[in-house]
C-alpha cells in the first residue's frame, strides 16, 4: 500500500511509468473497497446470523422445558461433558440415575448428567426436557447467540477484506507479468550485441 502515499507525487514525476500509476490507483481502489465493503459485509452477515440465532433461541425455549429431577443413585463418572450447542468442554460432571416428571405429566427414569459435586439419593437438580419428557440440551441463551452473531459478522468482514486484497494482488501480479513481457520484447529488439549496435564491430 506504499504506492498510495506517493500517488499524487507520481502524477507529475517524469520517471513515473504508466504501470506505476496504474498500480497506485489499483491500491487506492482496493483500500476504498476494503473500507466500504468489509464493514457492510460484516454488518449484513452479523445481522443475518443474529436473526437466525435469535429465532433458534426462541424455538429452543419454546420446545424445551426445565424440570426437577431426583437422584436415585450415582453412576460412573464421565471425564468431560461436551455441550452440544457450543461444542465446549464443560467441567467434570457426574452421571446419575434419576427420576423426573415430564411436562405432560408422565414419570420418567434414566441416566443423566448433573453438576452436583457429591450426589446422594434424594438430591434434586434441574434438567431440560422436550415436550415428551426426553432429555434435551440446555437451550441457547440470547447473550451467547448475540456473541456468535458478532463473531460471524467480524469473520465475514475479514473474509471480504481478504478477498479485496487477494483481487488487488492478482491484478498487480498480472500487470507486473505484462510489464516483464514488454521488457523481454524490448530486449529482443535490441539484439544480442548488448549495446554495441552501430559501433561497426
Protein backbone atom coordinates (compact mmCIF):
# COMPACT_ATOMS: atom_id res chain seq x y z
CA UNK A 1 0.00 0.00 0.00
CA UNK A 2 3.05 2.31 -0.09
CA UNK A 3 2.06 3.18 -3.65
CA UNK A 4 -0.91 5.15 -2.29
CA UNK A 5 1.26 7.59 -0.35
CA UNK A 6 3.17 8.59 -3.48
CA UNK A 7 0.19 8.63 -5.81
CA UNK A 8 -0.08 12.40 -6.04
CA UNK A 9 3.70 12.89 -6.22
CA UNK A 10 3.86 10.43 -9.13
CA UNK A 11 1.33 12.34 -11.18
CA UNK A 12 3.97 14.91 -12.19
CA UNK A 13 7.10 12.76 -11.91
CA UNK A 14 8.83 12.30 -15.30
CA UNK A 15 10.32 8.98 -14.11
CA UNK A 16 6.90 7.55 -13.27
CA UNK A 17 5.82 4.77 -15.59
CA UNK A 18 2.19 4.38 -16.56
CA UNK A 19 2.17 0.99 -14.83
CA UNK A 20 3.39 2.57 -11.57
CA UNK A 21 0.49 4.98 -11.62
CA UNK A 22 -1.94 2.17 -12.51
CA UNK A 23 -0.68 0.08 -9.58
CA UNK A 24 -1.14 3.04 -7.24
CA UNK A 25 -4.72 3.55 -8.46
CA UNK A 26 -5.43 -0.17 -8.02
CA UNK A 27 -4.07 0.02 -4.44
CA UNK A 28 -6.20 3.09 -3.70
CA UNK A 29 -9.31 1.41 -5.12
CA UNK A 30 -8.60 -1.71 -3.04
CA UNK A 31 -8.22 0.39 0.11
CA UNK A 32 -11.50 2.20 -0.51
CA UNK A 33 -13.28 -1.07 -1.28
CA UNK A 34 -11.88 -2.62 1.90
CA UNK A 35 -13.05 0.34 3.97
CA UNK A 36 -16.54 0.22 2.43
CA UNK A 37 -17.24 -3.42 1.53
CA UNK A 38 -15.79 -5.16 4.59
CA UNK A 39 -17.89 -3.29 7.20
CA UNK A 40 -21.07 -3.58 5.11
CA UNK A 41 -20.46 -7.31 4.62
CA UNK A 42 -19.82 -7.73 8.35
CA UNK A 43 -22.99 -5.88 9.31
CA UNK A 44 -25.14 -7.83 6.85
CA UNK A 45 -23.67 -11.21 7.81
CA UNK A 46 -23.86 -10.41 11.52
CA UNK A 47 -27.46 -9.25 11.18
CA UNK A 48 -28.47 -12.40 9.29
CA UNK A 49 -26.70 -14.58 11.87
CA UNK A 50 -28.35 -12.64 14.71
CA UNK A 51 -31.82 -13.14 13.21
CA UNK A 52 -31.25 -16.86 12.66
CA UNK A 53 -29.71 -17.44 16.08
CA UNK A 54 -32.36 -15.47 17.98
CA UNK A 55 -35.06 -17.40 16.11
CA UNK A 56 -33.30 -20.61 17.18
CA UNK A 57 -33.18 -19.32 20.78
CA UNK A 58 -36.94 -18.68 20.73
CA UNK A 59 -37.67 -22.10 19.20
CA UNK A 60 -35.47 -23.89 21.72
CA UNK A 61 -37.01 -22.08 24.68
CA UNK A 62 -40.48 -22.88 23.35
CA UNK A 63 -39.73 -26.59 22.80
CA UNK A 64 -37.64 -27.31 25.92
CA UNK A 65 -38.80 -27.18 29.50
CA UNK A 66 -36.82 -27.18 32.73
CA UNK A 67 -37.93 -29.90 35.16
CA UNK A 68 -36.66 -31.02 38.51
CA UNK A 69 -35.05 -34.46 38.65
CA UNK A 70 -34.37 -36.54 41.76
CA UNK A 71 -31.20 -38.62 42.15
CA UNK A 72 -31.80 -42.36 42.56
CA UNK A 73 -28.11 -43.37 42.63
CA UNK A 74 -24.74 -42.28 41.25
CA UNK A 75 -23.32 -43.93 38.12
CA UNK A 76 -19.71 -43.93 36.88
CA UNK A 77 -18.11 -40.50 36.49
CA UNK A 78 -17.58 -39.15 32.94
CA UNK A 79 -14.31 -37.42 32.08
CA UNK A 80 -15.75 -34.48 30.13
CA UNK A 81 -19.19 -33.32 29.18
CA UNK A 82 -19.42 -31.65 25.76
CA UNK A 83 -22.13 -29.02 25.44
CA UNK A 84 -23.95 -29.93 22.18
CA UNK A 85 -24.90 -26.29 21.48
CA UNK A 86 -21.45 -24.70 21.84
CA UNK A 87 -19.16 -27.72 21.46
CA UNK A 88 -17.23 -26.56 24.53
CA UNK A 89 -15.98 -28.99 27.12
CA UNK A 90 -17.63 -28.46 30.48
CA UNK A 91 -16.22 -29.18 33.92
CA UNK A 92 -16.19 -32.74 35.23
CA UNK A 93 -19.75 -33.85 35.79
CA UNK A 94 -21.39 -36.81 37.43
CA UNK A 95 -23.72 -39.32 35.82
CA UNK A 96 -26.65 -40.33 37.97
CA UNK A 97 -29.75 -42.42 37.62
CA UNK A 98 -32.66 -40.03 38.18
CA UNK A 99 -36.45 -39.79 38.14
CA UNK A 100 -38.36 -36.80 36.80
CA UNK A 101 -41.85 -35.85 35.72
CA UNK A 102 -42.24 -34.81 32.08
CA UNK A 103 -44.19 -31.63 31.19
CA UNK A 104 -47.05 -33.88 30.02
CA UNK A 105 -47.24 -35.47 33.50
CA UNK A 106 -45.65 -38.85 32.72
CA UNK A 107 -42.98 -40.26 35.01
CA UNK A 108 -39.51 -40.68 33.50
CA UNK A 109 -36.42 -42.58 34.62
CA UNK A 110 -32.91 -42.57 33.15
CA UNK A 111 -29.22 -41.73 33.31
CA UNK A 112 -28.47 -38.01 33.25
CA UNK A 113 -25.52 -35.70 33.83
CA UNK A 114 -25.52 -33.44 36.87
CA UNK A 115 -23.18 -30.77 38.20
CA UNK A 116 -23.81 -31.90 41.77
CA UNK A 117 -20.43 -32.40 43.44
CA UNK A 118 -21.43 -35.32 45.64
CA UNK A 119 -24.87 -36.58 44.56
CA UNK A 120 -26.82 -38.65 47.03
CA UNK A 121 -30.16 -40.40 46.68
CA UNK A 122 -32.94 -37.85 47.01
CA UNK A 123 -30.91 -34.84 45.87
CA UNK A 124 -32.79 -32.65 43.42
CA UNK A 125 -31.42 -30.78 40.39
CA UNK A 126 -32.72 -29.16 37.22
CA UNK A 127 -32.62 -30.75 33.76
CA UNK A 128 -34.02 -29.75 30.37
CA UNK A 129 -36.50 -31.93 28.52
CA UNK A 130 -38.51 -31.74 25.33
CA UNK A 131 -42.32 -31.73 25.31
CA UNK A 132 -42.40 -35.53 25.75
CA UNK A 133 -40.08 -35.51 28.73
CA UNK A 134 -36.99 -36.81 26.90
CA UNK A 135 -33.63 -35.32 27.86
CA UNK A 136 -32.62 -32.27 25.83
CA UNK A 137 -29.65 -29.94 25.80
CA UNK A 138 -29.90 -26.64 27.64
CA UNK A 139 -31.36 -24.07 25.22
CA UNK A 140 -29.08 -21.42 23.80
CA UNK A 141 -29.35 -18.10 25.63
CA UNK A 142 -29.71 -14.72 23.90
CA UNK A 143 -26.33 -13.37 25.04
CA UNK A 144 -24.45 -16.36 23.62
CA UNK A 145 -26.39 -16.10 20.38
CA UNK A 146 -25.52 -12.40 20.12
CA UNK A 147 -21.84 -13.18 20.71
CA UNK A 148 -21.89 -15.79 17.94
CA UNK A 149 -23.57 -13.28 15.61
CA UNK A 150 -20.90 -10.64 16.31
CA UNK A 151 -18.16 -13.19 15.64
CA UNK A 152 -19.87 -14.21 12.40
CA UNK A 153 -20.05 -10.58 11.28
CA UNK A 154 -16.41 -9.98 12.18
CA UNK A 155 -15.37 -13.12 10.30
CA UNK A 156 -17.37 -12.10 7.23
CA UNK A 157 -15.73 -8.64 7.28
CA UNK A 158 -12.28 -10.25 7.43
CA UNK A 159 -13.14 -12.58 4.55
CA UNK A 160 -14.39 -9.64 2.46
CA UNK A 161 -11.22 -7.63 3.20
CA UNK A 162 -9.11 -10.67 2.34
CA UNK A 163 -10.99 -11.10 -0.93
CA UNK A 164 -10.37 -7.49 -1.92
CA UNK A 165 -6.67 -7.79 -1.05
CA UNK A 166 -6.41 -11.07 -2.99
CA UNK A 167 -8.01 -9.40 -6.02
CA UNK A 168 -5.59 -6.45 -5.73
CA UNK A 169 -2.60 -8.79 -5.58
CA UNK A 170 -3.85 -10.76 -8.59
CA UNK A 171 -4.33 -7.59 -10.64
CA UNK A 172 -0.88 -6.24 -9.71
CA UNK A 173 0.71 -9.64 -10.44
CA UNK A 174 -0.81 -9.67 -13.92
CA UNK A 175 0.32 -6.08 -14.51
CA UNK A 176 3.88 -6.97 -13.48
CA UNK A 177 3.86 -10.01 -15.76
CA UNK A 178 2.75 -7.84 -18.69
CA UNK A 179 5.47 -5.30 -17.81
CA UNK A 180 8.14 -8.01 -17.82
CA UNK A 181 6.81 -9.41 -21.10
CA UNK A 182 7.12 -5.95 -22.69
CA UNK A 183 10.62 -5.62 -21.27
CA UNK A 184 11.59 -9.00 -22.73
CA UNK A 185 10.25 -7.95 -26.15
CA UNK A 186 12.25 -4.72 -25.92
CA UNK A 187 15.42 -6.64 -25.10
CA UNK A 188 14.77 -8.98 -28.04
CA UNK A 189 14.55 -5.96 -30.38
CA UNK A 190 17.89 -4.62 -29.10
CA UNK A 191 19.57 -7.84 -30.18
CA UNK A 192 22.38 -9.96 -28.82
CA UNK A 193 25.15 -7.35 -29.12
CA UNK A 194 24.30 -5.72 -25.77
CA UNK A 195 24.56 -2.12 -26.75
CA UNK A 196 27.17 -2.38 -29.49
CA UNK A 197 24.71 -1.66 -32.29
CA UNK A 198 26.09 0.87 -34.73
CA UNK A 199 29.67 0.67 -33.49
CA UNK A 200 30.78 -1.18 -36.64
CA UNK A 201 32.26 -4.15 -34.78
